[in-house]
């Protein structure tokens, strides 16, 4: 799987895929996200958000690899 908004679209799709019985593989370097504003006026930087979401997904929902490892 590849896509934009790692913490939204990629995450939701991988989680739903597991519910439907699919084994999902994510190309980490073919996904991205953006800085995310927090309710208290701060910002979560895109790289940290991307890494945190991929770590969460790899814990249960998908295999996470570099694109070169998949192809």
Protein backbone atom coordinates (compact mmCIF):
# COMPACT_ATOMS: atom_id res chain seq x y z
CA UNK A 1 0.00 0.00 0.00
CA UNK A 2 1.14 3.54 -0.74
CA UNK A 3 -0.52 6.87 -0.17
CA UNK A 4 -0.70 10.29 1.38
CA UNK A 5 -1.84 11.07 4.90
CA UNK A 6 -0.20 8.12 6.63
CA UNK A 7 -2.09 8.86 9.84
CA UNK A 8 -5.48 8.97 8.10
CA UNK A 9 -6.05 7.19 4.77
CA UNK A 10 -3.19 4.70 4.93
CA UNK A 11 -3.91 3.85 8.57
CA UNK A 12 -7.67 3.48 8.08
CA UNK A 13 -7.24 1.30 5.01
CA UNK A 14 -4.70 -1.01 6.68
CA UNK A 15 -6.87 -1.41 9.77
CA UNK A 16 -10.01 -2.11 7.73
CA UNK A 17 -8.11 -4.56 5.54
CA UNK A 18 -7.15 -6.63 8.59
CA UNK A 19 -10.80 -6.72 9.67
CA UNK A 20 -11.63 -8.13 6.23
CA UNK A 21 -8.91 -10.78 6.44
CA UNK A 22 -6.28 -9.18 4.21
CA UNK A 23 -2.55 -9.10 4.96
CA UNK A 24 -1.39 -5.59 4.14
CA UNK A 25 2.09 -4.48 3.14
CA UNK A 26 2.96 -0.78 3.36
CA UNK A 27 5.82 0.86 1.47
CA UNK A 28 6.95 3.30 4.16
CA UNK A 29 8.93 5.51 1.79
CA UNK A 30 6.00 5.72 -0.65
CA UNK A 31 3.69 7.20 1.98
CA UNK A 32 3.74 10.63 3.56
CA UNK A 33 1.76 12.99 5.72
CA UNK A 34 1.78 16.66 6.74
CA UNK A 35 2.39 18.59 9.92
CA UNK A 36 -0.62 18.27 12.19
CA UNK A 37 -1.76 21.14 14.41
CA UNK A 38 -2.67 20.18 17.97
CA UNK A 39 -5.67 21.55 19.88
CA UNK A 40 -3.36 23.47 22.23
CA UNK A 41 -1.70 25.41 19.40
CA UNK A 42 1.33 23.17 18.92
CA UNK A 43 2.35 21.20 15.88
CA UNK A 44 3.26 17.55 15.45
CA UNK A 45 5.86 17.44 12.69
CA UNK A 46 5.12 15.31 9.64
CA UNK A 47 8.16 13.04 10.01
CA UNK A 48 7.37 12.20 13.62
CA UNK A 49 3.69 11.63 12.88
CA UNK A 50 4.55 9.41 9.90
CA UNK A 51 7.02 7.33 11.92
CA UNK A 52 4.67 6.96 14.89
CA UNK A 53 1.78 5.81 12.72
CA UNK A 54 3.92 3.31 10.83
CA UNK A 55 5.20 1.94 14.14
CA UNK A 56 1.62 1.50 15.36
CA UNK A 57 0.55 -0.17 12.13
CA UNK A 58 3.52 -2.53 12.09
CA UNK A 59 2.70 -3.64 15.63
CA UNK A 60 -0.51 -5.37 14.51
CA UNK A 61 -2.08 -4.25 11.24
CA UNK A 62 0.49 -4.43 8.43
CA UNK A 63 3.99 -5.27 7.38
CA UNK A 64 5.97 -2.06 6.89
CA UNK A 65 8.97 -2.10 4.54
CA UNK A 66 10.96 0.13 2.20
CA UNK A 67 9.60 0.06 -1.35
CA UNK A 68 12.85 -1.50 -2.58
CA UNK A 69 12.30 -4.42 -0.19
CA UNK A 70 8.85 -5.10 -1.63
CA UNK A 71 9.48 -4.90 -5.37
